[in-house]
Structure formats: structure tokens, C-alpha cells
Amino acid sequence: MSQKILIPLDGSVLGEAALHHVEEMTSLLGLESKIEVTLFQVITLLTYAVTTGADAVEIPYTVDELDQMKDQAMDYLRKAAECLEGKGVPVKCEVVFGTSPCDEIIKAETKFEANLVAMSTHGRHGITRLAFGSVADKVLRKSTVPVLTVRMQHDS
């Protein structure tokens, strides 16, 4: 029976820390044939603001624009999958639209029957953590499966 790992990615280099960690773990432990990985991305930007003088209006993206965003995200995930696929790990890619990355990740862990969620944390603290929140922190609190968080080291 294979283990299923869900790896949420946000499109950033920092967000890929967990991906590289899972790649190293599978190679070191020789688990390539016993693991299935799903790379997952949530698109939350469903509107854009247009400013007219002192006012701003939220305009929804068109269906074509949303399709283009989804295609770009899927291309990113497929490229990110190459490192694992090159080592014989089967990888699925999924892109969804949603307003809450955390909620979509929790839904995905059920949908893909994940045994583990492996995700990066940007390591924010203080006021930036309060301002931006922490998707990883919210997933840790809501997940029904183990969550591996990998903190990316920032270049100094």
C-alpha cells in the first residue's frame, strides 16, 4: 500500500522547501515506489481592483483570464513535479480556485486520501505573521492527518 503525500505549493521558491525535503526523504529511504505525491495549488486572486480617482472597484476576472491563470499554475506544478518524477515517484497535479488556501488544502487531503501533508512555512513572525497569517499554522490546526512543515532558510 502506497503512502499519499499532499504538497501544497504557492508558486514561490520559499514555498518549495517541503517539495525538496520530500524528494530527499524518498531518495534516502528508498521509498520512491511506495509513495504517491499530489502537488496542489490554490488560486485565491479571483478579482482585481480598478481605481477611479478616490474609489476602487473590485472586478471579477473573466472565465478566459481564470483559465489562463489555472493553466499557468498547472504548468508550474508540472515543472515542479519533474524532480520527483525523475526519481520514479508518481506525481499528480491539481489546481483549484478558492478564497481560503487552508480550507482548500484540508478538502484536498480528504479528496486525495493523503496520509501526510508536507508544506513549507515562510517563517514569518511578529507583525508580518499577524498581518499575513500563516496558512501552514491553520492547516496544522485543522488537518486530520500528520503535517510536516519545513521552514525555508532565508538568505541573509
N, C-alpha and C. Protein backbone atom coordinates (compact mmCIF):
# COMPACT_ATOMS: atom_id res chain seq x y z
N MET A 1 0.84 -1.18 0.00
CA MET A 1 0.00 0.00 0.00
C MET A 1 0.89 1.24 0.00
N SER A 2 0.59 2.15 -0.91
CA SER A 2 1.43 3.34 -1.00
C SER A 2 0.93 4.43 -0.06
N GLN A 3 1.86 5.25 0.34
CA GLN A 3 1.55 6.41 1.17
C GLN A 3 1.30 7.58 0.23
N LYS A 4 0.32 8.40 0.57
CA LYS A 4 -0.04 9.53 -0.28
C LYS A 4 0.31 10.83 0.43
N ILE A 5 1.14 11.62 -0.24
CA ILE A 5 1.60 12.88 0.33
C ILE A 5 1.03 14.03 -0.49
N LEU A 6 0.41 14.96 0.19
CA LEU A 6 -0.11 16.18 -0.43
C LEU A 6 0.90 17.30 -0.15
N ILE A 7 1.36 17.96 -1.22
CA ILE A 7 2.31 19.06 -1.07
C ILE A 7 1.68 20.32 -1.67
N PRO A 8 1.16 21.21 -0.83
CA PRO A 8 0.64 22.48 -1.34
C PRO A 8 1.80 23.40 -1.70
N LEU A 9 1.71 24.01 -2.87
CA LEU A 9 2.73 24.95 -3.32
C LEU A 9 2.06 26.27 -3.65
N ASP A 10 2.78 27.37 -3.39
CA ASP A 10 2.20 28.69 -3.65
C ASP A 10 2.88 29.41 -4.82
N GLY A 11 3.79 28.73 -5.50
CA GLY A 11 4.45 29.33 -6.65
C GLY A 11 5.75 30.04 -6.32
N SER A 12 6.11 30.09 -5.05
CA SER A 12 7.34 30.78 -4.66
C SER A 12 8.47 29.78 -4.40
N VAL A 13 9.70 30.26 -4.50
CA VAL A 13 10.86 29.43 -4.19
C VAL A 13 10.80 29.01 -2.72
N LEU A 14 10.43 29.95 -1.84
CA LEU A 14 10.31 29.61 -0.42
C LEU A 14 9.30 28.49 -0.20
N GLY A 15 8.21 28.53 -0.97
CA GLY A 15 7.17 27.52 -0.82
C GLY A 15 7.58 26.13 -1.24
N GLU A 16 8.69 26.03 -1.98
CA GLU A 16 9.12 24.73 -2.49
C GLU A 16 10.03 23.96 -1.52
N ALA A 17 10.28 24.51 -0.35
CA ALA A 17 11.18 23.84 0.61
C ALA A 17 10.69 22.44 0.95
N ALA A 18 9.40 22.28 1.15
CA ALA A 18 8.86 20.96 1.50
C ALA A 18 9.00 19.98 0.34
N LEU A 19 8.84 20.47 -0.87
CA LEU A 19 8.99 19.62 -2.05
C LEU A 19 10.38 19.00 -2.09
N HIS A 20 11.39 19.82 -1.88
CA HIS A 20 12.76 19.32 -1.92
C HIS A 20 13.05 18.39 -0.73
N HIS A 21 12.43 18.67 0.40
CA HIS A 21 12.61 17.81 1.57
C HIS A 21 12.01 16.42 1.32
N VAL A 22 10.81 16.37 0.75
CA VAL A 22 10.17 15.08 0.42
C VAL A 22 11.01 14.34 -0.62
N GLU A 23 11.54 15.06 -1.59
CA GLU A 23 12.40 14.43 -2.60
C GLU A 23 13.60 13.77 -1.94
N GLU A 24 14.26 14.48 -1.03
CA GLU A 24 15.42 13.93 -0.34
C GLU A 24 15.05 12.74 0.53
N MET A 25 13.92 12.85 1.25
CA MET A 25 13.49 11.75 2.13
C MET A 25 13.21 10.48 1.33
N THR A 26 12.50 10.60 0.21
CA THR A 26 12.16 9.41 -0.57
C THR A 26 13.42 8.76 -1.13
N SER A 27 14.38 9.57 -1.55
CA SER A 27 15.63 9.01 -2.07
C SER A 27 16.43 8.32 -0.99
N LEU A 28 16.59 8.98 0.16
CA LEU A 28 17.37 8.41 1.25
C LEU A 28 16.77 7.11 1.78
N LEU A 29 15.45 7.07 1.85
CA LEU A 29 14.78 5.90 2.42
C LEU A 29 14.40 4.85 1.38
N GLY A 30 14.64 5.15 0.10
CA GLY A 30 14.30 4.20 -0.96
C GLY A 30 12.81 3.95 -1.08
N LEU A 31 12.02 4.99 -0.89
CA LEU A 31 10.57 4.83 -0.87
C LEU A 31 9.88 5.25 -2.17
N GLU A 32 10.64 5.47 -3.23
CA GLU A 32 10.07 6.02 -4.45
C GLU A 32 8.84 5.25 -4.94
N SER A 33 8.88 3.93 -4.87
CA SER A 33 7.77 3.13 -5.40
C SER A 33 6.62 2.99 -4.41
N LYS A 34 6.80 3.45 -3.20
CA LYS A 34 5.77 3.29 -2.17
C LYS A 34 5.05 4.60 -1.86
N ILE A 35 5.34 5.65 -2.63
CA ILE A 35 4.77 6.96 -2.34
C ILE A 35 4.10 7.52 -3.59
N GLU A 36 2.94 8.14 -3.38
CA GLU A 36 2.29 8.92 -4.42
C GLU A 36 2.22 10.36 -3.91
N VAL A 37 2.58 11.30 -4.76
CA VAL A 37 2.59 12.70 -4.35
C VAL A 37 1.57 13.47 -5.19
N THR A 38 0.82 14.35 -4.53
CA THR A 38 -0.04 15.29 -5.23
C THR A 38 0.46 16.69 -4.94
N LEU A 39 0.84 17.39 -6.00
CA LEU A 39 1.22 18.80 -5.88
C LEU A 39 -0.05 19.61 -6.09
N PHE A 40 -0.26 20.58 -5.23
CA PHE A 40 -1.55 21.26 -5.14
C PHE A 40 -1.34 22.75 -5.02
N GLN A 41 -2.12 23.50 -5.79
CA GLN A 41 -2.05 24.96 -5.69
C GLN A 41 -3.45 25.54 -5.67
N VAL A 42 -3.64 26.54 -4.81
CA VAL A 42 -4.91 27.24 -4.68
C VAL A 42 -4.74 28.64 -5.26
N ILE A 43 -5.61 28.99 -6.20
CA ILE A 43 -5.62 30.35 -6.74
C ILE A 43 -6.70 31.11 -5.99
N THR A 44 -6.29 32.14 -5.27
CA THR A 44 -7.24 32.90 -4.46
C THR A 44 -7.56 34.27 -5.04
N LEU A 45 -6.78 34.70 -6.00
CA LEU A 45 -6.99 36.02 -6.58
C LEU A 45 -8.08 35.94 -7.65
N LEU A 46 -9.34 36.13 -7.26
CA LEU A 46 -10.46 35.97 -8.17
C LEU A 46 -10.98 37.30 -8.70
N THR A 47 -10.49 38.40 -8.14
CA THR A 47 -10.88 39.73 -8.61
C THR A 47 -9.65 40.63 -8.63
N TYR A 48 -9.77 41.74 -9.30
CA TYR A 48 -8.71 42.75 -9.27
C TYR A 48 -9.36 44.10 -9.05
N ALA A 49 -8.59 45.02 -8.50
CA ALA A 49 -9.12 46.34 -8.17
C ALA A 49 -8.80 47.33 -9.28
N VAL A 50 -9.82 48.11 -9.62
CA VAL A 50 -9.65 49.20 -10.57
C VAL A 50 -9.92 50.49 -9.81
N THR A 51 -8.95 51.39 -9.80
CA THR A 51 -9.12 52.65 -9.09
C THR A 51 -9.54 53.74 -10.06
N THR A 52 -10.55 54.46 -9.63
CA THR A 52 -11.04 55.60 -10.40
C THR A 52 -11.09 56.78 -9.46
N GLY A 53 -10.04 57.56 -9.48
CA GLY A 53 -9.98 58.68 -8.54
C GLY A 53 -9.78 58.17 -7.13
N ALA A 54 -10.70 58.51 -6.25
CA ALA A 54 -10.61 58.11 -4.85
C ALA A 54 -11.28 56.77 -4.59
N ASP A 55 -12.00 56.24 -5.57
CA ASP A 55 -12.74 54.98 -5.38
C ASP A 55 -12.00 53.82 -6.02
N ALA A 56 -12.24 52.64 -5.48
CA ALA A 56 -11.71 51.41 -6.06
C ALA A 56 -12.88 50.44 -6.21
N VAL A 57 -12.89 49.76 -7.34
CA VAL A 57 -13.96 48.80 -7.63
C VAL A 57 -13.32 47.44 -7.86
N GLU A 58 -13.88 46.41 -7.23
CA GLU A 58 -13.40 45.04 -7.44
C GLU A 58 -14.09 44.47 -8.68
N ILE A 59 -13.29 44.03 -9.64
CA ILE A 59 -13.80 43.48 -10.89
C ILE A 59 -13.42 41.99 -10.94
N PRO A 60 -14.38 41.11 -11.19
CA PRO A 60 -14.03 39.69 -11.30
C PRO A 60 -13.27 39.42 -12.59
N TYR A 61 -12.34 38.48 -12.52
CA TYR A 61 -11.65 38.05 -13.73
C TYR A 61 -12.63 37.35 -14.65
N THR A 62 -12.37 37.40 -15.95
CA THR A 62 -13.21 36.69 -16.91
C THR A 62 -12.89 35.20 -16.85
N VAL A 63 -13.74 34.40 -17.44
CA VAL A 63 -13.50 32.96 -17.49
C VAL A 63 -12.19 32.67 -18.23
N ASP A 64 -11.93 33.39 -19.31
CA ASP A 64 -10.68 33.19 -20.06
C ASP A 64 -9.46 33.53 -19.20
N GLU A 65 -9.55 34.62 -18.44
CA GLU A 65 -8.44 35.00 -17.57
C GLU A 65 -8.21 33.96 -16.47
N LEU A 66 -9.29 33.45 -15.89
CA LEU A 66 -9.17 32.41 -14.86
C LEU A 66 -8.58 31.14 -15.45
N ASP A 67 -9.02 30.78 -16.67
CA ASP A 67 -8.46 29.60 -17.33
C ASP A 67 -6.97 29.77 -17.57
N GLN A 68 -6.56 30.98 -17.96
CA GLN A 68 -5.15 31.24 -18.20
C GLN A 68 -4.35 31.13 -16.90
N MET A 69 -4.90 31.66 -15.80
CA MET A 69 -4.22 31.53 -14.50
C MET A 69 -4.07 30.07 -14.10
N LYS A 70 -5.14 29.30 -14.34
CA LYS A 70 -5.11 27.88 -13.98
C LYS A 70 -4.07 27.13 -14.82
N ASP A 71 -4.02 27.45 -16.12
CA ASP A 71 -3.03 26.82 -17.00
C ASP A 71 -1.60 27.15 -16.56
N GLN A 72 -1.36 28.41 -16.20
CA GLN A 72 -0.03 28.81 -15.73
C GLN A 72 0.34 28.09 -14.43
N ALA A 73 -0.62 27.97 -13.53
CA ALA A 73 -0.37 27.26 -12.27
C ALA A 73 -0.10 25.78 -12.53
N MET A 74 -0.85 25.18 -13.45
CA MET A 74 -0.64 23.77 -13.77
C MET A 74 0.74 23.57 -14.42
N ASP A 75 1.15 24.48 -15.29
CA ASP A 75 2.49 24.40 -15.88
C ASP A 75 3.56 24.46 -14.79
N TYR A 76 3.38 25.36 -13.83
CA TYR A 76 4.31 25.47 -12.70
C TYR A 76 4.39 24.15 -11.93
N LEU A 77 3.22 23.56 -11.61
CA LEU A 77 3.21 22.31 -10.85
C LEU A 77 3.87 21.18 -11.63
N ARG A 78 3.60 21.10 -12.92
CA ARG A 78 4.22 20.05 -13.74
C ARG A 78 5.74 20.19 -13.76
N LYS A 79 6.20 21.42 -13.84
CA LYS A 79 7.66 21.65 -13.80
C LYS A 79 8.21 21.26 -12.43
N ALA A 80 7.50 21.63 -11.37
CA ALA A 80 7.93 21.27 -10.01
C ALA A 80 7.94 19.76 -9.81
N ALA A 81 7.07 19.05 -10.52
CA ALA A 81 6.97 17.60 -10.37
C ALA A 81 8.15 16.85 -10.97
N GLU A 82 8.86 17.49 -11.88
CA GLU A 82 9.93 16.81 -12.61
C GLU A 82 10.99 16.20 -11.70
N CYS A 83 11.32 16.88 -10.58
CA CYS A 83 12.37 16.36 -9.70
C CYS A 83 11.95 15.03 -9.07
N LEU A 84 10.68 14.93 -8.69
CA LEU A 84 10.19 13.67 -8.10
C LEU A 84 9.98 12.60 -9.16
N GLU A 85 9.39 12.99 -10.28
CA GLU A 85 9.14 12.01 -11.35
C GLU A 85 10.45 11.42 -11.87
N GLY A 86 11.49 12.24 -11.89
CA GLY A 86 12.81 11.76 -12.33
C GLY A 86 13.37 10.69 -11.41
N LYS A 87 12.87 10.63 -10.20
CA LYS A 87 13.31 9.61 -9.24
C LYS A 87 12.31 8.46 -9.14
N GLY A 88 11.32 8.45 -10.04
CA GLY A 88 10.36 7.34 -10.08
C GLY A 88 9.16 7.50 -9.17
N VAL A 89 8.95 8.68 -8.61
CA VAL A 89 7.80 8.92 -7.74
C VAL A 89 6.62 9.38 -8.60
N PRO A 90 5.47 8.68 -8.52
CA PRO A 90 4.30 9.14 -9.28
C PRO A 90 3.76 10.44 -8.69
N VAL A 91 3.47 11.41 -9.56
CA VAL A 91 3.01 12.72 -9.12
C VAL A 91 1.74 13.11 -9.88
N LYS A 92 0.76 13.59 -9.12
CA LYS A 92 -0.45 14.19 -9.68
C LYS A 92 -0.37 15.69 -9.42
N CYS A 93 -1.00 16.47 -10.28
CA CYS A 93 -1.04 17.91 -10.09
C CYS A 93 -2.49 18.38 -10.10
N GLU A 94 -2.82 19.30 -9.20
CA GLU A 94 -4.19 19.81 -9.10
C GLU A 94 -4.15 21.29 -8.76
N VAL A 95 -4.96 22.07 -9.48
CA VAL A 95 -5.12 23.50 -9.22
C VAL A 95 -6.59 23.75 -8.98
N VAL A 96 -6.90 24.51 -7.92
CA VAL A 96 -8.28 24.86 -7.62
C VAL A 96 -8.38 26.36 -7.34
N PHE A 97 -9.60 26.87 -7.46
CA PHE A 97 -9.90 28.25 -7.09
C PHE A 97 -10.57 28.22 -5.73
N GLY A 98 -10.26 29.18 -4.88
CA GLY A 98 -10.90 29.25 -3.58
C GLY A 98 -10.53 30.53 -2.87
N THR A 99 -11.27 30.83 -1.84
CA THR A 99 -10.99 32.04 -1.07
C THR A 99 -10.08 31.78 0.12
N SER A 100 -9.99 30.53 0.55
CA SER A 100 -9.16 30.19 1.70
C SER A 100 -8.21 29.04 1.35
N PRO A 101 -6.91 29.32 1.21
CA PRO A 101 -5.97 28.24 0.92
C PRO A 101 -6.05 27.11 1.95
N CYS A 102 -6.18 27.47 3.21
CA CYS A 102 -6.26 26.46 4.27
C CYS A 102 -7.43 25.51 4.05
N ASP A 103 -8.62 26.07 3.84
CA ASP A 103 -9.80 25.23 3.65
C ASP A 103 -9.66 24.33 2.42
N GLU A 104 -9.08 24.86 1.35
CA GLU A 104 -8.90 24.06 0.14
C GLU A 104 -7.88 22.95 0.36
N ILE A 105 -6.84 23.21 1.13
CA ILE A 105 -5.86 22.18 1.44
C ILE A 105 -6.50 21.07 2.27
N ILE A 106 -7.31 21.43 3.24
CA ILE A 106 -8.00 20.44 4.08
C ILE A 106 -8.94 19.59 3.22
N LYS A 107 -9.67 20.21 2.30
CA LYS A 107 -10.54 19.46 1.38
C LYS A 107 -9.71 18.50 0.52
N ALA A 108 -8.56 18.99 0.05
CA ALA A 108 -7.70 18.18 -0.82
C ALA A 108 -7.13 16.97 -0.09
N GLU A 109 -6.81 17.12 1.19
CA GLU A 109 -6.26 15.96 1.91
C GLU A 109 -7.29 14.84 1.97
N THR A 110 -8.56 15.19 2.05
CA THR A 110 -9.62 14.17 2.03
C THR A 110 -9.80 13.63 0.61
N LYS A 111 -9.89 14.52 -0.36
CA LYS A 111 -10.12 14.12 -1.75
C LYS A 111 -9.04 13.16 -2.24
N PHE A 112 -7.78 13.43 -1.92
CA PHE A 112 -6.68 12.60 -2.39
C PHE A 112 -6.28 11.53 -1.39
N GLU A 113 -7.04 11.40 -0.30
CA GLU A 113 -6.79 10.39 0.74
C GLU A 113 -5.34 10.45 1.22
N ALA A 114 -4.88 11.68 1.47
CA ALA A 114 -3.49 11.89 1.89
C ALA A 114 -3.23 11.30 3.27
N ASN A 115 -2.07 10.70 3.43
CA ASN A 115 -1.60 10.21 4.72
C ASN A 115 -0.73 11.26 5.41
N LEU A 116 -0.27 12.25 4.63
CA LEU A 116 0.63 13.27 5.13
C LEU A 116 0.49 14.52 4.27
N VAL A 117 0.49 15.67 4.92
CA VAL A 117 0.60 16.95 4.21
C VAL A 117 1.99 17.48 4.51
N ALA A 118 2.74 17.78 3.45
CA ALA A 118 4.09 18.34 3.62
C ALA A 118 4.07 19.72 3.01
N MET A 119 4.33 20.73 3.85
CA MET A 119 4.27 22.09 3.33
C MET A 119 5.34 22.96 3.94
N SER A 120 5.65 23.99 3.21
CA SER A 120 6.65 24.94 3.66
C SER A 120 6.00 26.01 4.51
N THR A 121 6.80 26.55 5.40
CA THR A 121 6.38 27.71 6.14
C THR A 121 7.38 28.82 5.84
N HIS A 122 6.88 30.01 5.64
CA HIS A 122 7.76 31.12 5.28
C HIS A 122 8.52 31.64 6.50
N GLY A 123 8.17 31.17 7.68
CA GLY A 123 8.91 31.57 8.87
C GLY A 123 8.65 33.00 9.30
N ARG A 124 7.50 33.51 8.94
CA ARG A 124 7.17 34.88 9.38
C ARG A 124 6.93 34.88 10.88
N HIS A 125 7.23 36.00 11.48
CA HIS A 125 6.94 36.15 12.90
C HIS A 125 6.63 37.62 13.17
N GLY A 126 6.16 37.86 14.35
CA GLY A 126 5.85 39.24 14.75
C GLY A 126 4.71 39.83 13.96
N ILE A 127 4.86 41.08 13.57
CA ILE A 127 3.79 41.82 12.92
C ILE A 127 3.46 41.26 11.54
N THR A 128 4.46 40.75 10.80
CA THR A 128 4.15 40.20 9.48
C THR A 128 3.31 38.95 9.58
N ARG A 129 3.51 38.15 10.63
CA ARG A 129 2.69 36.96 10.82
C ARG A 129 1.26 37.36 11.15
N LEU A 130 1.11 38.38 11.99
CA LEU A 130 -0.23 38.87 12.31
C LEU A 130 -0.92 39.44 11.08
N ALA A 131 -0.18 40.15 10.26
CA ALA A 131 -0.77 40.79 9.08
C ALA A 131 -1.12 39.77 8.00
N PHE A 132 -0.22 38.81 7.75
CA PHE A 132 -0.43 37.88 6.65
C PHE A 132 -1.00 36.54 7.09
N GLY A 133 -0.95 36.25 8.39
CA GLY A 133 -1.43 34.96 8.86
C GLY A 133 -0.47 33.87 8.45
N SER A 134 -0.80 32.68 8.76
CA SER A 134 0.04 31.55 8.40
C SER A 134 -0.85 30.41 7.92
N VAL A 135 -0.79 30.14 6.63
CA VAL A 135 -1.57 29.03 6.08
C VAL A 135 -1.11 27.74 6.73
N ALA A 136 0.22 27.57 6.88
CA ALA A 136 0.74 26.34 7.49
C ALA A 136 0.20 26.17 8.91
N ASP A 137 0.16 27.25 9.67
CA ASP A 137 -0.35 27.19 11.04
C ASP A 137 -1.81 26.76 11.06
N LYS A 138 -2.60 27.31 10.16
CA LYS A 138 -4.03 26.97 10.10
C LYS A 138 -4.22 25.52 9.67
N VAL A 139 -3.41 25.05 8.72
CA VAL A 139 -3.51 23.65 8.29
C VAL A 139 -3.12 22.73 9.44
N LEU A 140 -2.07 23.09 10.18
CA LEU A 140 -1.67 22.29 11.35
C LEU A 140 -2.83 22.10 12.32
N ARG A 141 -3.60 23.16 12.52
CA ARG A 141 -4.70 23.11 13.49
C ARG A 141 -5.91 22.34 12.98
N LYS A 142 -6.16 22.35 11.67
CA LYS A 142 -7.37 21.76 11.11
C LYS A 142 -7.19 20.37 10.50
N SER A 143 -5.97 20.00 10.19
CA SER A 143 -5.72 18.76 9.47
C SER A 143 -6.09 17.53 10.30
N THR A 144 -6.54 16.51 9.61
CA THR A 144 -6.84 15.24 10.27
C THR A 144 -5.72 14.22 10.06
N VAL A 145 -4.68 14.62 9.32
CA VAL A 145 -3.52 13.75 9.09
C VAL A 145 -2.27 14.49 9.55
N PRO A 146 -1.17 13.79 9.73
CA PRO A 146 0.07 14.46 10.13
C PRO A 146 0.48 15.52 9.10
N VAL A 147 1.07 16.60 9.60
CA VAL A 147 1.54 17.70 8.76
C VAL A 147 3.03 17.90 9.03
N LEU A 148 3.81 17.78 7.98
CA LEU A 148 5.24 18.05 8.05
C LEU A 148 5.45 19.47 7.56
N THR A 149 5.98 20.33 8.42
CA THR A 149 6.29 21.69 7.98
C THR A 149 7.79 21.85 7.87
N VAL A 150 8.20 22.47 6.78
CA VAL A 150 9.61 22.69 6.51
C VAL A 150 9.81 24.18 6.40
N ARG A 151 10.67 24.72 7.23
CA ARG A 151 10.94 26.15 7.21
C ARG A 151 12.09 26.42 6.26
N MET A 152 11.82 27.23 5.27
CA MET A 152 12.84 27.62 4.31
C MET A 152 13.78 28.62 4.95
N GLN A 153 15.05 28.42 4.76
CA GLN A 153 16.04 29.35 5.29
C GLN A 153 16.15 30.54 4.35
N HIS A 154 15.96 31.75 4.88
CA HIS A 154 16.10 32.97 4.09
C HIS A 154 17.58 33.27 3.93
N ASP A 155 17.93 33.76 2.74
CA ASP A 155 19.31 34.21 2.53
C ASP A 155 19.52 35.49 3.30
N SER A 156 20.65 35.59 3.98
CA SER A 156 20.94 36.79 4.78
C SER A 156 21.71 37.79 3.97
